[in-house]
Amino acid sequence: MTGRTTGRRCAVAGLLFAACLLGEAAAAVPGSARDWLERMNAALGGRTYDADFVHLAQGQVERLRILHRSGPAGVEERLVSLSGAGREVIRNRAGVYCYLADQRRVLVEAHDSRGPLLGTLPTFDVAALEASYALSVERRSRSLLGTPAQLIDVRPRDRHRFGYRLWIDEATYMPVRTELYDADGRVLEQVLFLRIDFPAHLPSHELKPALDARGYTFVSQERGMLRSPAALPWGSAELPPGFRLSAASEQTLPGGGEPALHLVLSDGLATVSVFVEQPVSGRPVREGQGSVGSAYAMSLRVGNQHVTAIGEVPPDTVRLIAAAIESAAGSGR
């Protein structure tokens, strides 16, 4: 799973740190937690900004810079590791490019318009998540930026998912600090913004990689046409409460053979990716479970297919989803 894990960390490293500005400072202060989250959601695609933040997980600290520009050409983003990892992630209309200097490789994915590329913050489907999470407005505090922020708690109603605490800036609705925590309240991951600027103009060269990729190997992770979840053979699998099949596509994985079926399951906040592929002839199928940061993964063989489930959810949830796919496949659904 090394190639897939690397690609996932780029695509998911990519997915969690984007936030934008919404409205004016004089706008009415939201009342309910749902109001705060909806304004934060609306802020995710808003304005041009340049920010530094730190990502803390499993005792490791990484400092990153994000540049985000939204305009007539759509959303353009660049994420740069400032901790010596030599990693950059670029998103534009042409696709998503993850530059790995230590491996001299570039992972390329088709453009994904389902949400912002950069951030450990997932997209909050507020209407859907309230069945599985209790939302509450907690205390006010000051962020590391020195501005007032409102703490919003997104607490899971069961042990099938993690919770979030979000400190949302009162003037801009920017999530200036976030925490991912487990059912026992233990913090698994944090994001802390250290600097945020909102320039009137961000030059195009700032959104291009600083790395010289000449001589690098480009690995394309192609995606086929999206398929209707209702038409999939495992669409009726018995999943953990709250999780639903939300998207499906065919995707060529690094080092893979035939395109893999990529299923995305969500409860409105947490997402789990399931890859179903034909094993490459002569290559052993690795089975078992493990973790990558705050994400858990499980891999198993189902008949003549290889199934891998991975997501930022408790390990039992990953096992239940993998078992549901296995059961559905075994019953011929």
C-alpha atoms as a PDB file:
ATOM      1  CA  MET A   1       0.000   0.000   0.000  1.00  0.00           C
ATOM      2  CA  THR A   2       3.050   2.310  -0.084  1.00  0.00           C
ATOM      3  CA  GLY A   3       2.252   3.992  -3.410  1.00  0.00           C
ATOM      4  CA  ARG A   4      -1.434   4.312  -2.592  1.00  0.00           C
ATOM      5  CA  THR A   5      -0.663   5.684   0.881  1.00  0.00           C
ATOM      6  CA  THR A   6       1.692   8.299  -0.542  1.00  0.00           C
ATOM      7  CA  GLY A   7      -0.911   9.338  -3.089  1.00  0.00           C
ATOM      8  CA  ARG A   8      -3.594   9.458  -0.419  1.00  0.00           C
ATOM      9  CA  ARG A   9      -1.481  11.608   1.865  1.00  0.00           C
ATOM     10  CA  CYS A  10      -0.910  14.060  -0.973  1.00  0.00           C
ATOM     11  CA  ALA A  11      -4.517  14.078  -2.051  1.00  0.00           C
ATOM     12  CA  VAL A  12      -5.663  14.150   1.580  1.00  0.00           C
ATOM     13  CA  ALA A  13      -2.816  16.456   2.649  1.00  0.00           C
ATOM     14  CA  GLY A  14      -4.110  18.436  -0.044  1.00  0.00           C
ATOM     15  CA  LEU A  15      -7.716  18.276   1.164  1.00  0.00           C
ATOM     16  CA  LEU A  16      -7.731  19.852   4.597  1.00  0.00           C
ATOM     17  CA  PHE A  17      -6.259  23.434   5.050  1.00  0.00           C
ATOM     18  CA  ALA A  18      -8.177  25.698   2.674  1.00  0.00           C
ATOM     19  CA  ALA A  19     -10.297  28.473   4.100  1.00  0.00           C
ATOM     20  CA  CYS A  20     -11.377  31.790   2.714  1.00  0.00           C
ATOM     21  CA  LEU A  21     -12.921  35.037   3.763  1.00  0.00           C
ATOM     22  CA  LEU A  22     -16.663  35.633   3.771  1.00  0.00           C
ATOM     23  CA  GLY A  23     -18.607  38.820   4.292  1.00  0.00           C
ATOM     24  CA  GLU A  24     -17.537  41.932   6.148  1.00  0.00           C
ATOM     25  CA  ALA A  25     -16.520  42.411   9.761  1.00  0.00           C
ATOM     26  CA  ALA A  26     -19.703  44.343  10.314  1.00  0.00           C
ATOM     27  CA  ALA A  27     -21.897  41.392   9.362  1.00  0.00           C
ATOM     28  CA  ALA A  28     -24.242  39.986  11.987  1.00  0.00           C
ATOM     29  CA  VAL A  29     -22.631  37.519  14.387  1.00  0.00           C
ATOM     30  CA  PRO A  30     -24.047  34.002  13.816  1.00  0.00           C
ATOM     31  CA  GLY A  31     -26.161  32.532  16.600  1.00  0.00           C
ATOM     32  CA  SER A  32     -26.272  28.740  16.381  1.00  0.00           C
ATOM     33  CA  ALA A  33     -23.423  26.323  15.732  1.00  0.00           C
ATOM     34  CA  ARG A  34     -25.072  25.501  12.440  1.00  0.00           C
ATOM     35  CA  ASP A  35     -24.917  29.207  11.457  1.00  0.00           C
ATOM     36  CA  TRP A  36     -21.199  29.321  12.252  1.00  0.00           C
ATOM     37  CA  LEU A  37     -20.464  26.182  10.239  1.00  0.00           C
ATOM     38  CA  GLU A  38     -22.508  27.334   7.262  1.00  0.00           C
ATOM     39  CA  ARG A  39     -20.642  30.650   7.177  1.00  0.00           C
ATOM     40  CA  MET A  40     -17.334  28.807   7.494  1.00  0.00           C
ATOM     41  CA  ASN A  41     -18.388  26.496   4.665  1.00  0.00           C
ATOM     42  CA  ALA A  42     -19.259  29.472   2.482  1.00  0.00           C
ATOM     43  CA  ALA A  43     -15.829  30.909   3.303  1.00  0.00           C
ATOM     44  CA  LEU A  44     -14.008  27.908   1.867  1.00  0.00           C
ATOM     45  CA  GLY A  45     -14.171  29.148  -1.717  1.00  0.00           C
ATOM     46  CA  GLY A  46     -14.077  32.886  -1.180  1.00  0.00           C
ATOM     47  CA  ARG A  47     -11.091  35.164  -1.507  1.00  0.00           C
ATOM     48  CA  THR A  48      -7.397  35.266  -2.239  1.00  0.00           C
ATOM     49  CA  TYR A  49      -5.133  34.641   0.747  1.00  0.00           C
ATOM     50  CA  ASP A  50      -1.624  33.655   1.817  1.00  0.00           C
ATOM     51  CA  ALA A  51      -1.109  31.913   5.180  1.00  0.00           C
ATOM     52  CA  ASP A  52       1.331  29.940   7.332  1.00  0.00           C
ATOM     53  CA  PHE A  53       0.132  27.199   9.667  1.00  0.00           C
ATOM     54  CA  VAL A  54       1.399  24.213  11.624  1.00  0.00           C
ATOM     55  CA  HIS A  55       0.007  20.692  11.480  1.00  0.00           C
ATOM     56  CA  LEU A  56       0.537  18.526  14.576  1.00  0.00           C
ATOM     57  CA  ALA A  57      -0.166  14.773  14.594  1.00  0.00           C
ATOM     58  CA  GLN A  58       1.357  11.793  16.424  1.00  0.00           C
ATOM     59  CA  GLY A  59       4.088  13.912  17.983  1.00  0.00           C
ATOM     60  CA  GLN A  60       5.204  15.306  14.636  1.00  0.00           C
ATOM     61  CA  VAL A  61       5.041  18.970  13.683  1.00  0.00           C
ATOM     62  CA  GLU A  62       5.034  20.256  10.128  1.00  0.00           C
ATOM     63  CA  ARG A  63       4.946  23.899   9.138  1.00  0.00           C
ATOM     64  CA  LEU A  64       3.280  24.727   5.839  1.00  0.00           C
ATOM     65  CA  ARG A  65       2.363  27.674   3.669  1.00  0.00           C
ATOM     66  CA  ILE A  66      -0.837  27.869   1.664  1.00  0.00           C
ATOM     67  CA  LEU A  67      -1.587  30.254  -1.201  1.00  0.00           C
ATOM     68  CA  HIS A  68      -5.136  30.389  -2.509  1.00  0.00           C
ATOM     69  CA  ARG A  69      -6.581  32.428  -5.354  1.00  0.00           C
ATOM     70  CA  SER A  70     -10.210  32.412  -6.419  1.00  0.00           C
ATOM     71  CA  GLY A  71     -11.339  34.238  -9.526  1.00  0.00           C
ATOM     72  CA  PRO A  72     -12.757  33.928 -13.045  1.00  0.00           C
ATOM     73  CA  ALA A  73     -10.309  31.096 -13.781  1.00  0.00           C
ATOM     74  CA  GLY A  74     -11.621  29.150 -10.803  1.00  0.00           C
ATOM     75  CA  VAL A  75      -9.715  28.104  -7.697  1.00  0.00           C
ATOM     76  CA  GLU A  76      -5.927  27.864  -7.822  1.00  0.00           C
ATOM     77  CA  GLU A  77      -3.979  26.652  -4.819  1.00  0.00           C
ATOM     78  CA  ARG A  78      -0.461  25.845  -3.725  1.00  0.00           C
ATOM     79  CA  LEU A  79       0.619  24.077  -0.529  1.00  0.00           C
ATOM     80  CA  VAL A  80       4.309  24.121   0.426  1.00  0.00           C
ATOM     81  CA  SER A  81       6.000  22.211   3.234  1.00  0.00           C
ATOM     82  CA  LEU A  82       8.335  24.571   5.120  1.00  0.00           C
ATOM     83  CA  SER A  83       9.772  21.786   7.301  1.00  0.00           C
ATOM     84  CA  GLY A  84      12.323  20.418   4.853  1.00  0.00           C
ATOM     85  CA  ALA A  85      10.112  17.683   3.393  1.00  0.00           C
ATOM     86  CA  GLY A  86      10.441  19.123  -0.099  1.00  0.00           C
ATOM     87  CA  ARG A  87       6.751  18.607  -0.791  1.00  0.00           C
ATOM     88  CA  GLU A  88       4.477  20.876  -2.820  1.00  0.00           C
ATOM     89  CA  VAL A  89       0.877  20.386  -3.918  1.00  0.00           C
ATOM     90  CA  ILE A  90      -0.537  22.422  -6.799  1.00  0.00           C
ATOM     91  CA  ARG A  91      -4.169  22.567  -7.874  1.00  0.00           C
ATOM     92  CA  ASN A  92      -5.464  24.348 -10.969  1.00  0.00           C
ATOM     93  CA  ARG A  93      -7.845  23.708 -13.842  1.00  0.00           C
ATOM     94  CA  ALA A  94      -5.455  21.148 -15.330  1.00  0.00           C
ATOM     95  CA  GLY A  95      -5.479  18.913 -12.241  1.00  0.00           C
ATOM     96  CA  VAL A  96      -3.778  18.241  -8.918  1.00  0.00           C
ATOM     97  CA  TYR A  97       0.015  17.782  -8.811  1.00  0.00           C
ATOM     98  CA  CYS A  98       1.883  16.485  -5.761  1.00  0.00           C
ATOM     99  CA  TYR A  99       5.639  17.097  -6.014  1.00  0.00           C
ATOM    100  CA  LEU A 100       7.730  14.728  -3.849  1.00  0.00           C
ATOM    101  CA  ALA A 101      11.321  15.963  -3.882  1.00  0.00           C
ATOM    102  CA  ASP A 102      12.663  13.104  -1.749  1.00  0.00           C
ATOM    103  CA  GLN A 103      11.273  10.550  -4.237  1.00  0.00           C
ATOM    104  CA  ARG A 104      11.807  12.665  -7.362  1.00  0.00           C
ATOM    105  CA  ARG A 105       8.214  11.901  -8.337  1.00  0.00           C
ATOM    106  CA  VAL A 106       5.111  13.888  -9.204  1.00  0.00           C
ATOM    107  CA  LEU A 107       1.699  12.328  -8.557  1.00  0.00           C
ATOM    108  CA  VAL A 108      -0.920  13.678 -10.962  1.00  0.00           C
ATOM    109  CA  GLU A 109      -4.669  13.452 -10.468  1.00  0.00           C
ATOM    110  CA  ALA A 110      -7.567  14.743 -12.499  1.00  0.00           C
ATOM    111  CA  HIS A 111      -9.176  17.907 -11.154  1.00  0.00           C
ATOM    112  CA  ASP A 112     -11.642  17.134  -8.360  1.00  0.00           C
ATOM    113  CA  SER A 113     -14.323  19.808  -7.988  1.00  0.00           C
ATOM    114  CA  ARG A 114     -16.036  18.299  -4.946  1.00  0.00           C
ATOM    115  CA  GLY A 115     -14.274  20.585  -2.507  1.00  0.00           C
ATOM    116  CA  PRO A 116     -11.183  22.697  -1.803  1.00  0.00           C
ATOM    117  CA  LEU A 117      -7.875  20.914  -2.194  1.00  0.00           C
ATOM    118  CA  LEU A 118      -5.946  22.098   0.804  1.00  0.00           C
ATOM    119  CA  GLY A 119      -6.751  21.497   4.410  1.00  0.00           C
ATOM    120  CA  THR A 120      -7.359  18.980   7.145  1.00  0.00           C
ATOM    121  CA  LEU A 121     -10.758  20.486   7.408  1.00  0.00           C
ATOM    122  CA  PRO A 122     -13.281  18.401   5.515  1.00  0.00           C
ATOM    123  CA  THR A 123     -16.290  19.975   3.884  1.00  0.00           C
ATOM    124  CA  PHE A 124     -19.091  20.118   6.438  1.00  0.00           C
ATOM    125  CA  ASP A 125     -22.418  18.926   5.025  1.00  0.00           C
ATOM    126  CA  VAL A 126     -24.311  20.580   7.872  1.00  0.00           C
ATOM    127  CA  ALA A 127     -27.751  19.275   6.933  1.00  0.00           C
ATOM    128  CA  ALA A 128     -26.513  15.671   6.809  1.00  0.00           C
ATOM    129  CA  LEU A 129     -24.114  15.576   9.745  1.00  0.00           C
ATOM    130  CA  GLU A 130     -26.550  16.558  12.506  1.00  0.00           C
ATOM    131  CA  ALA A 131     -27.942  12.998  12.549  1.00  0.00           C
ATOM    132  CA  SER A 132     -24.509  11.713  13.621  1.00  0.00           C
ATOM    133  CA  TYR A 133     -23.038  14.720  15.487  1.00  0.00           C
ATOM    134  CA  ALA A 134     -24.224  17.125  18.191  1.00  0.00           C
ATOM    135  CA  LEU A 135     -23.330  20.738  17.333  1.00  0.00           C
ATOM    136  CA  SER A 136     -22.763  23.316  20.066  1.00  0.00           C
ATOM    137  CA  VAL A 137     -21.421  26.841  20.514  1.00  0.00           C
ATOM    138  CA  GLU A 138     -18.819  26.827  23.284  1.00  0.00           C
ATOM    139  CA  ARG A 139     -16.619  29.556  24.770  1.00  0.00           C
ATOM    140  CA  ARG A 140     -15.015  32.551  23.100  1.00  0.00           C
ATOM    141  CA  SER A 141     -11.232  32.842  23.112  1.00  0.00           C
ATOM    142  CA  ARG A 142      -8.361  34.486  21.267  1.00  0.00           C
ATOM    143  CA  SER A 143      -6.497  32.747  18.465  1.00  0.00           C
ATOM    144  CA  LEU A 144      -2.734  32.762  17.943  1.00  0.00           C
ATOM    145  CA  LEU A 145      -3.422  35.619  15.539  1.00  0.00           C
ATOM    146  CA  GLY A 146      -4.681  37.689  18.475  1.00  0.00           C
ATOM    147  CA  THR A 147      -8.233  37.942  17.148  1.00  0.00           C
ATOM    148  CA  PRO A 148     -11.476  36.847  18.899  1.00  0.00           C
ATOM    149  CA  ALA A 149     -12.625  33.386  17.900  1.00  0.00           C
ATOM    150  CA  GLN A 150     -15.692  31.310  18.681  1.00  0.00           C
ATOM    151  CA  LEU A 151     -15.226  27.648  19.617  1.00  0.00           C
ATOM    152  CA  ILE A 152     -17.660  25.266  17.896  1.00  0.00           C
ATOM    153  CA  ASP A 153     -17.825  21.645  19.037  1.00  0.00           C
ATOM    154  CA  VAL A 154     -18.877  18.934  16.575  1.00  0.00           C
ATOM    155  CA  ARG A 155     -19.296  15.954  18.900  1.00  0.00           C
ATOM    156  CA  PRO A 156     -20.027  12.446  17.563  1.00  0.00           C
ATOM    157  CA  ARG A 157     -23.178  10.744  18.864  1.00  0.00           C
ATOM    158  CA  ASP A 158     -21.466   7.322  18.859  1.00  0.00           C
ATOM    159  CA  ARG A 159     -17.998   5.755  18.649  1.00  0.00           C
ATOM    160  CA  HIS A 160     -18.056   5.245  14.877  1.00  0.00           C
ATOM    161  CA  ARG A 161     -16.485   8.628  14.111  1.00  0.00           C
ATOM    162  CA  PHE A 162     -14.155  11.320  15.465  1.00  0.00           C
ATOM    163  CA  GLY A 163     -15.148  14.773  16.699  1.00  0.00           C
ATOM    164  CA  TYR A 164     -13.962  18.252  15.780  1.00  0.00           C
ATOM    165  CA  ARG A 165     -13.354  21.444  17.705  1.00  0.00           C
ATOM    166  CA  LEU A 166     -13.134  24.532  15.520  1.00  0.00           C
ATOM    167  CA  TRP A 167     -12.078  28.025  16.547  1.00  0.00           C
ATOM    168  CA  ILE A 168     -13.734  30.278  13.958  1.00  0.00           C
ATOM    169  CA  ASP A 169     -12.544  33.870  13.626  1.00  0.00           C
ATOM    170  CA  GLU A 170     -15.424  36.207  14.521  1.00  0.00           C
ATOM    171  CA  ALA A 171     -14.593  38.787  11.848  1.00  0.00           C
ATOM    172  CA  THR A 172     -13.683  36.567   8.886  1.00  0.00           C
ATOM    173  CA  TYR A 173     -15.218  33.143   9.715  1.00  0.00           C
ATOM    174  CA  MET A 174     -11.799  31.606   9.069  1.00  0.00           C
ATOM    175  CA  PRO A 175     -11.189  28.347  11.026  1.00  0.00           C
ATOM    176  CA  VAL A 176      -7.975  29.585  12.632  1.00  0.00           C
ATOM    177  CA  ARG A 177      -7.521  26.513  14.818  1.00  0.00           C
ATOM    178  CA  THR A 178      -8.920  22.981  14.601  1.00  0.00           C
ATOM    179  CA  GLU A 179      -8.664  19.798  16.639  1.00  0.00           C
ATOM    180  CA  LEU A 180      -9.633  16.256  15.705  1.00  0.00           C
ATOM    181  CA  TYR A 181     -10.414  14.140  18.785  1.00  0.00           C
ATOM    182  CA  ASP A 182     -11.477  10.570  19.527  1.00  0.00           C
ATOM    183  CA  ALA A 183     -14.324   9.172  21.637  1.00  0.00           C
ATOM    184  CA  ASP A 184     -12.231   9.556  24.816  1.00  0.00           C
ATOM    185  CA  GLY A 185     -11.504  13.230  24.101  1.00  0.00           C
ATOM    186  CA  ARG A 186      -7.879  12.567  23.125  1.00  0.00           C
ATOM    187  CA  VAL A 187      -6.621  15.070  20.531  1.00  0.00           C
ATOM    188  CA  LEU A 188      -5.338  13.241  17.450  1.00  0.00           C
ATOM    189  CA  GLU A 189      -4.516  16.132  15.157  1.00  0.00           C
ATOM    190  CA  GLN A 190      -4.290  19.932  15.335  1.00  0.00           C
ATOM    191  CA  VAL A 191      -4.021  22.756  12.826  1.00  0.00           C
ATOM    192  CA  LEU A 192      -2.925  26.190  14.062  1.00  0.00           C
ATOM    193  CA  PHE A 193      -2.722  29.235  11.789  1.00  0.00           C
ATOM    194  CA  LEU A 194       0.226  31.522  12.522  1.00  0.00           C
ATOM    195  CA  ARG A 195      -0.247  34.158   9.821  1.00  0.00           C
ATOM    196  CA  ILE A 196      -2.979  35.053   7.354  1.00  0.00           C
ATOM    197  CA  ASP A 197      -2.763  37.815   4.739  1.00  0.00           C
ATOM    198  CA  PHE A 198      -5.412  38.741   2.175  1.00  0.00           C
ATOM    199  CA  PRO A 199      -3.522  40.377  -0.718  1.00  0.00           C
ATOM    200  CA  ALA A 200      -5.492  42.259  -3.349  1.00  0.00           C
ATOM    201  CA  HIS A 201      -3.533  40.366  -6.005  1.00  0.00           C
ATOM    202  CA  LEU A 202      -1.576  37.106  -5.972  1.00  0.00           C
ATOM    203  CA  PRO A 203       0.852  36.800  -8.928  1.00  0.00           C
ATOM    204  CA  SER A 204       0.525  33.662 -11.028  1.00  0.00           C
ATOM    205  CA  HIS A 205       4.158  32.676 -10.412  1.00  0.00           C
ATOM    206  CA  GLU A 206       3.341  32.307  -6.690  1.00  0.00           C
ATOM    207  CA  LEU A 207       0.969  29.480  -7.618  1.00  0.00           C
ATOM    208  CA  LYS A 208       3.594  27.494  -9.531  1.00  0.00           C
ATOM    209  CA  PRO A 209       5.981  24.959  -7.937  1.00  0.00           C
ATOM    210  CA  ALA A 210       9.352  26.253  -6.814  1.00  0.00           C
ATOM    211  CA  LEU A 211      10.855  22.803  -7.387  1.00  0.00           C
ATOM    212  CA  ASP A 212      12.701  22.032 -10.604  1.00  0.00           C
ATOM    213  CA  ALA A 213      10.961  18.813 -11.656  1.00  0.00           C
ATOM    214  CA  ARG A 214      13.211  18.044 -14.612  1.00  0.00           C
ATOM    215  CA  GLY A 215      14.163  14.393 -14.344  1.00  0.00           C
ATOM    216  CA  TYR A 216      11.241  13.580 -12.047  1.00  0.00           C
ATOM    217  CA  THR A 217       8.928  10.643 -12.782  1.00  0.00           C
ATOM    218  CA  PHE A 218       5.323  11.692 -13.380  1.00  0.00           C
ATOM    219  CA  VAL A 219       2.787   9.138 -12.140  1.00  0.00           C
ATOM    220  CA  SER A 220      -0.736   9.675 -13.422  1.00  0.00           C
ATOM    221  CA  GLN A 221      -3.632   8.600 -11.221  1.00  0.00           C
ATOM    222  CA  GLU A 222      -6.308   8.714 -13.866  1.00  0.00           C
ATOM    223  CA  ARG A 223      -9.995   8.711 -13.041  1.00  0.00           C
ATOM    224  CA  GLY A 224     -12.769   7.334 -15.171  1.00  0.00           C
ATOM    225  CA  MET A 225     -16.283   8.669 -15.384  1.00  0.00           C
ATOM    226  CA  LEU A 226     -18.215   8.929 -12.146  1.00  0.00           C
ATOM    227  CA  ARG A 227     -20.636   6.093 -11.702  1.00  0.00           C
ATOM    228  CA  SER A 228     -24.044   6.252 -10.074  1.00  0.00           C
ATOM    229  CA  PRO A 229     -23.774   4.941  -6.489  1.00  0.00           C
ATOM    230  CA  ALA A 230     -27.235   3.371  -6.840  1.00  0.00           C
ATOM    231  CA  ALA A 231     -26.020   1.252  -9.755  1.00  0.00           C
ATOM    232  CA  LEU A 232     -22.994  -0.189  -7.949  1.00  0.00           C
ATOM    233  CA  PRO A 233     -22.978  -3.863  -6.962  1.00  0.00           C
ATOM    234  CA  TRP A 234     -22.180  -3.019  -3.315  1.00  0.00           C
ATOM    235  CA  GLY A 235     -24.445  -0.007  -2.984  1.00  0.00           C
ATOM    236  CA  SER A 236     -26.708  -1.802  -0.494  1.00  0.00           C
ATOM    237  CA  ALA A 237     -23.963  -3.034   1.855  1.00  0.00           C
ATOM    238  CA  GLU A 238     -24.728  -2.786   5.569  1.00  0.00           C
ATOM    239  CA  LEU A 239     -22.579   0.171   6.605  1.00  0.00           C
ATOM    240  CA  PRO A 240     -21.959   1.737  10.037  1.00  0.00           C
ATOM    241  CA  PRO A 241     -24.812   4.052  11.129  1.00  0.00           C
ATOM    242  CA  GLY A 242     -24.877   7.368   9.271  1.00  0.00           C
ATOM    243  CA  PHE A 243     -22.498   6.391   6.457  1.00  0.00           C
ATOM    244  CA  ARG A 244     -23.769   6.436   2.896  1.00  0.00           C
ATOM    245  CA  LEU A 245     -22.156   5.808  -0.474  1.00  0.00           C
ATOM    246  CA  SER A 246     -21.696   9.320  -1.898  1.00  0.00           C
ATOM    247  CA  ALA A 247     -19.483   8.925  -4.970  1.00  0.00           C
ATOM    248  CA  ALA A 248     -17.791   6.343  -7.147  1.00  0.00           C
ATOM    249  CA  SER A 249     -15.291   6.377  -9.986  1.00  0.00           C
ATOM    250  CA  GLU A 250     -12.658   4.251 -11.645  1.00  0.00           C
ATOM    251  CA  GLN A 251      -9.097   5.267 -10.853  1.00  0.00           C
ATOM    252  CA  THR A 252      -5.705   4.003 -11.967  1.00  0.00           C
ATOM    253  CA  LEU A 253      -3.455   3.636  -8.927  1.00  0.00           C
ATOM    254  CA  PRO A 254       0.358   3.926  -8.916  1.00  0.00           C
ATOM    255  CA  GLY A 255       1.843   0.533  -9.697  1.00  0.00           C
ATOM    256  CA  GLY A 256      -1.591  -0.926 -10.368  1.00  0.00           C
ATOM    257  CA  GLY A 257      -2.921  -2.875 -13.302  1.00  0.00           C
ATOM    258  CA  GLU A 258      -6.577  -2.572 -14.219  1.00  0.00           C
ATOM    259  CA  PRO A 259      -8.359   0.600 -12.992  1.00  0.00           C
ATOM    260  CA  ALA A 260      -9.624   0.286  -9.423  1.00  0.00           C
ATOM    261  CA  LEU A 261     -13.165   1.039  -8.366  1.00  0.00           C
ATOM    262  CA  HIS A 262     -12.992   3.961  -5.923  1.00  0.00           C
ATOM    263  CA  LEU A 263     -15.949   4.286  -3.546  1.00  0.00           C
ATOM    264  CA  VAL A 264     -16.370   7.303  -1.242  1.00  0.00           C
ATOM    265  CA  LEU A 265     -18.526   6.839   1.856  1.00  0.00           C
ATOM    266  CA  SER A 266     -19.528   9.780   4.073  1.00  0.00           C
ATOM    267  CA  ASP A 267     -21.647  10.662   7.087  1.00  0.00           C
ATOM    268  CA  GLY A 268     -21.730  14.350   6.129  1.00  0.00           C
ATOM    269  CA  LEU A 269     -18.323  15.023   7.694  1.00  0.00           C
ATOM    270  CA  ALA A 270     -16.067  11.968   7.910  1.00  0.00           C
ATOM    271  CA  THR A 271     -15.197  10.200   4.678  1.00  0.00           C
ATOM    272  CA  VAL A 272     -13.802   6.738   3.995  1.00  0.00           C
ATOM    273  CA  SER A 273     -12.304   5.751   0.641  1.00  0.00           C
ATOM    274  CA  VAL A 274     -12.609   2.146  -0.492  1.00  0.00           C
ATOM    275  CA  PHE A 275     -10.496   0.863  -3.390  1.00  0.00           C
ATOM    276  CA  VAL A 276     -11.538  -2.389  -5.090  1.00  0.00           C
ATOM    277  CA  GLU A 277      -8.973  -3.671  -7.578  1.00  0.00           C
ATOM    278  CA  GLN A 278      -7.752  -6.751  -9.374  1.00  0.00           C
ATOM    279  CA  PRO A 279      -4.389  -7.828  -7.911  1.00  0.00           C
ATOM    280  CA  VAL A 280      -1.432  -7.465 -10.258  1.00  0.00           C
ATOM    281  CA  SER A 281      -0.317 -10.876 -11.492  1.00  0.00           C
ATOM    282  CA  GLY A 282       2.685 -12.185  -9.584  1.00  0.00           C
ATOM    283  CA  ARG A 283       2.451  -9.547  -6.849  1.00  0.00           C
ATOM    284  CA  PRO A 284       1.350 -10.754  -3.371  1.00  0.00           C
ATOM    285  CA  VAL A 285      -1.726  -9.105  -1.843  1.00  0.00           C
ATOM    286  CA  ARG A 286      -0.973  -7.565   1.528  1.00  0.00           C
ATOM    287  CA  GLU A 287      -3.728  -7.992   4.069  1.00  0.00           C
ATOM    288  CA  GLY A 288      -4.012  -6.371   7.474  1.00  0.00           C
ATOM    289  CA  GLN A 289      -4.518  -2.976   9.084  1.00  0.00           C
ATOM    290  CA  GLY A 290      -2.432   0.048   9.933  1.00  0.00           C
ATOM    291  CA  SER A 291      -2.477   3.818  10.312  1.00  0.00           C
ATOM    292  CA  VAL A 292      -1.165   6.891   8.527  1.00  0.00           C
ATOM    293  CA  GLY A 293      -1.303   9.891  10.845  1.00  0.00           C
ATOM    294  CA  SER A 294      -4.866  10.068  12.142  1.00  0.00           C
ATOM    295  CA  ALA A 295      -6.177   7.879   9.295  1.00  0.00           C
ATOM    296  CA  TYR A 296      -6.707   4.149   9.643  1.00  0.00           C
ATOM    297  CA  ALA A 297      -6.567   1.587   6.862  1.00  0.00           C
ATOM    298  CA  MET A 298      -7.550  -2.039   6.364  1.00  0.00           C
ATOM    299  CA  SER A 299      -6.715  -4.246   3.409  1.00  0.00           C
ATOM    300  CA  LEU A 300      -8.133  -7.701   2.606  1.00  0.00           C
ATOM    301  CA  ARG A 301      -8.751 -10.090  -0.232  1.00  0.00           C
ATOM    302  CA  VAL A 302     -12.352 -10.709  -1.299  1.00  0.00           C
ATOM    303  CA  GLY A 303     -12.570 -13.519  -3.810  1.00  0.00           C
ATOM    304  CA  ASN A 304     -10.258 -12.536  -6.656  1.00  0.00           C
ATOM    305  CA  GLN A 305     -10.280  -8.847  -5.700  1.00  0.00           C
ATOM    306  CA  HIS A 306      -8.223  -6.686  -3.336  1.00  0.00           C
ATOM    307  CA  VAL A 307     -10.198  -4.299  -1.085  1.00  0.00           C
ATOM    308  CA  THR A 308      -8.599  -1.428   0.856  1.00  0.00           C
ATOM    309  CA  ALA A 309     -10.542   0.970   3.114  1.00  0.00           C
ATOM    310  CA  ILE A 310      -8.909   4.126   4.524  1.00  0.00           C
ATOM    311  CA  GLY A 311     -10.241   7.192   6.331  1.00  0.00           C
ATOM    312  CA  GLU A 312      -9.957   9.524   9.323  1.00  0.00           C
ATOM    313  CA  VAL A 313     -12.327   7.440  11.420  1.00  0.00           C
ATOM    314  CA  PRO A 314     -11.802   4.985  14.322  1.00  0.00           C
ATOM    315  CA  PRO A 315     -10.208   1.653  13.324  1.00  0.00           C
ATOM    316  CA  ASP A 316     -13.414  -0.252  14.178  1.00  0.00           C
ATOM    317  CA  THR A 317     -15.309   1.848  11.627  1.00  0.00           C
ATOM    318  CA  VAL A 318     -12.780   1.021   8.907  1.00  0.00           C
ATOM    319  CA  ARG A 319     -13.081  -2.673   9.787  1.00  0.00           C
ATOM    320  CA  LEU A 320     -16.895  -2.514   9.674  1.00  0.00           C
ATOM    321  CA  ILE A 321     -16.873  -0.843   6.255  1.00  0.00           C
ATOM    322  CA  ALA A 322     -14.348  -3.319   4.858  1.00  0.00           C
ATOM    323  CA  ALA A 323     -16.430  -6.189   6.300  1.00  0.00           C
ATOM    324  CA  ALA A 324     -19.605  -4.750   4.746  1.00  0.00           C
ATOM    325  CA  ILE A 325     -17.987  -4.677   1.320  1.00  0.00           C
ATOM    326  CA  GLU A 326     -16.691  -8.222   1.863  1.00  0.00           C
ATOM    327  CA  SER A 327     -20.137  -9.438   2.934  1.00  0.00           C
ATOM    328  CA  ALA A 328     -21.907  -7.742   0.024  1.00  0.00           C
ATOM    329  CA  ALA A 329     -19.395  -9.140  -2.457  1.00  0.00           C
ATOM    330  CA  GLY A 330     -19.724 -12.621  -0.965  1.00  0.00           C
ATOM    331  CA  SER A 331     -23.524 -12.549  -1.264  1.00  0.00           C
ATOM    332  CA  GLY A 332     -23.270 -11.574  -4.938  1.00  0.00           C
ATOM    333  CA  ARG A 333     -24.771  -8.101  -4.530  1.00  0.00           C
END
